Amino acid sequence: MADQEDTALHRTTTVEKGRFVAAHCSCGWRGPARRARSKARSDAAEHEAAP
């Protein structure tokens, strides 16, 4: 049961590469490259909220 809980957790971060920022998740998901950090953060929040 603990293994199921661990896989359900998503830990997102933002990664900067040059002028672009992208959201990355511990599950392997990667958001699109954005110029606005706020948009990359909202991509991460939307991913965490998705079932």
N, C-alpha and C. Protein backbone atom coordinates (compact mmCIF):
# COMPACT_ATOMS: atom_id res chain seq x y z
N MET A 1 0.82 -1.18 0.00
CA MET A 1 0.00 0.00 0.00
C MET A 1 0.87 1.26 0.00
N ALA A 2 1.99 1.24 0.71
CA ALA A 2 2.87 2.41 0.74
C ALA A 2 3.46 2.69 -0.63
N ASP A 3 3.73 1.62 -1.41
CA ASP A 3 4.26 1.81 -2.75
C ASP A 3 3.27 2.56 -3.63
N GLN A 4 2.00 2.27 -3.49
CA GLN A 4 0.99 2.95 -4.28
C GLN A 4 0.93 4.43 -3.93
N GLU A 5 1.08 4.76 -2.67
CA GLU A 5 1.05 6.15 -2.26
C GLU A 5 2.26 6.89 -2.80
N ASP A 6 3.43 6.26 -2.82
CA ASP A 6 4.63 6.91 -3.32
C ASP A 6 4.53 7.22 -4.80
N THR A 7 3.95 6.32 -5.58
CA THR A 7 3.85 6.56 -7.01
C THR A 7 2.83 7.63 -7.34
N ALA A 8 1.89 7.88 -6.43
CA ALA A 8 0.87 8.89 -6.68
C ALA A 8 1.40 10.30 -6.40
N LEU A 9 2.51 10.42 -5.68
CA LEU A 9 3.06 11.73 -5.38
C LEU A 9 3.79 12.30 -6.58
N HIS A 10 3.55 13.56 -6.83
CA HIS A 10 4.24 14.26 -7.91
C HIS A 10 5.04 15.40 -7.30
N ARG A 11 6.32 15.39 -7.54
CA ARG A 11 7.17 16.47 -7.06
C ARG A 11 7.65 17.24 -8.28
N THR A 12 7.17 18.45 -8.41
CA THR A 12 7.51 19.25 -9.58
C THR A 12 8.55 20.31 -9.23
N THR A 13 9.35 20.63 -10.23
CA THR A 13 10.34 21.69 -10.13
C THR A 13 10.32 22.45 -11.44
N THR A 14 10.95 23.61 -11.45
CA THR A 14 11.14 24.32 -12.70
C THR A 14 12.63 24.32 -13.02
N VAL A 15 12.93 24.15 -14.29
CA VAL A 15 14.31 24.07 -14.74
C VAL A 15 14.54 25.15 -15.79
N GLU A 16 15.55 25.97 -15.57
CA GLU A 16 15.86 27.03 -16.52
C GLU A 16 16.94 26.57 -17.48
N LYS A 17 16.72 26.88 -18.76
CA LYS A 17 17.69 26.55 -19.79
C LYS A 17 17.75 27.75 -20.74
N GLY A 18 18.77 28.55 -20.56
CA GLY A 18 18.85 29.79 -21.35
C GLY A 18 17.74 30.73 -20.95
N ARG A 19 16.99 31.21 -21.93
CA ARG A 19 15.88 32.12 -21.67
C ARG A 19 14.57 31.41 -21.38
N PHE A 20 14.60 30.10 -21.36
CA PHE A 20 13.37 29.33 -21.20
C PHE A 20 13.33 28.61 -19.86
N VAL A 21 12.10 28.36 -19.40
CA VAL A 21 11.86 27.64 -18.15
C VAL A 21 10.84 26.55 -18.44
N ALA A 22 11.07 25.37 -17.90
CA ALA A 22 10.12 24.27 -18.09
C ALA A 22 9.87 23.60 -16.75
N ALA A 23 8.66 23.10 -16.58
CA ALA A 23 8.32 22.35 -15.38
C ALA A 23 8.68 20.88 -15.60
N HIS A 24 9.27 20.26 -14.60
CA HIS A 24 9.61 18.84 -14.63
C HIS A 24 9.00 18.18 -13.41
N CYS A 25 8.64 16.90 -13.55
CA CYS A 25 8.03 16.17 -12.45
C CYS A 25 8.82 14.89 -12.18
N SER A 26 8.73 14.41 -10.95
CA SER A 26 9.42 13.18 -10.56
C SER A 26 8.86 11.96 -11.29
N CYS A 27 7.64 12.06 -11.86
CA CYS A 27 7.05 10.94 -12.58
C CYS A 27 7.56 10.85 -14.02
N GLY A 28 8.37 11.83 -14.45
CA GLY A 28 8.90 11.81 -15.81
C GLY A 28 8.24 12.83 -16.73
N TRP A 29 7.15 13.42 -16.30
CA TRP A 29 6.45 14.43 -17.11
C TRP A 29 7.30 15.67 -17.24
N ARG A 30 7.25 16.29 -18.42
CA ARG A 30 7.94 17.56 -18.64
C ARG A 30 6.99 18.50 -19.36
N GLY A 31 6.89 19.69 -18.85
CA GLY A 31 6.04 20.69 -19.47
C GLY A 31 6.76 21.38 -20.61
N PRO A 32 6.03 22.15 -21.39
CA PRO A 32 6.64 22.87 -22.51
C PRO A 32 7.56 23.99 -22.01
N ALA A 33 8.53 24.35 -22.83
CA ALA A 33 9.43 25.45 -22.49
C ALA A 33 8.65 26.76 -22.56
N ARG A 34 8.83 27.57 -21.57
CA ARG A 34 8.12 28.86 -21.47
C ARG A 34 9.13 29.96 -21.22
N ARG A 35 8.79 31.16 -21.62
CA ARG A 35 9.63 32.31 -21.29
C ARG A 35 9.25 32.90 -19.95
N ALA A 36 8.02 32.68 -19.53
CA ALA A 36 7.54 33.22 -18.25
C ALA A 36 7.60 32.15 -17.17
N ARG A 37 8.31 32.44 -16.09
CA ARG A 37 8.39 31.50 -14.97
C ARG A 37 7.01 31.22 -14.40
N SER A 38 6.17 32.24 -14.35
CA SER A 38 4.83 32.06 -13.78
C SER A 38 4.02 31.04 -14.58
N LYS A 39 4.18 31.02 -15.89
CA LYS A 39 3.45 30.05 -16.72
C LYS A 39 4.00 28.64 -16.49
N ALA A 40 5.30 28.50 -16.35
CA ALA A 40 5.89 27.19 -16.06
C ALA A 40 5.40 26.68 -14.71
N ARG A 41 5.29 27.59 -13.72
CA ARG A 41 4.78 27.20 -12.41
C ARG A 41 3.32 26.77 -12.49
N SER A 42 2.53 27.47 -13.31
CA SER A 42 1.12 27.08 -13.43
C SER A 42 0.98 25.75 -14.18
N ASP A 43 1.88 25.48 -15.14
CA ASP A 43 1.89 24.16 -15.80
C ASP A 43 2.13 23.07 -14.76
N ALA A 44 3.08 23.30 -13.86
CA ALA A 44 3.39 22.33 -12.81
C ALA A 44 2.20 22.13 -11.88
N ALA A 45 1.55 23.22 -11.50
CA ALA A 45 0.39 23.13 -10.61
C ALA A 45 -0.75 22.36 -11.27
N GLU A 46 -0.98 22.60 -12.56
CA GLU A 46 -2.03 21.87 -13.28
C GLU A 46 -1.70 20.38 -13.35
N HIS A 47 -0.43 20.06 -13.54
CA HIS A 47 -0.02 18.65 -13.60
C HIS A 47 -0.25 17.98 -12.25
N GLU A 48 0.12 18.65 -11.17
CA GLU A 48 -0.06 18.07 -9.83
C GLU A 48 -1.53 17.86 -9.51
N ALA A 49 -2.39 18.73 -10.01
CA ALA A 49 -3.82 18.64 -9.72
C ALA A 49 -4.52 17.58 -10.57
N ALA A 50 -3.92 17.20 -11.69
CA ALA A 50 -4.54 16.20 -12.57
C ALA A 50 -4.53 14.83 -11.90
N PRO A 51 -5.59 14.04 -12.11
CA PRO A 51 -5.67 12.71 -11.46
C PRO A 51 -4.65 11.73 -11.97
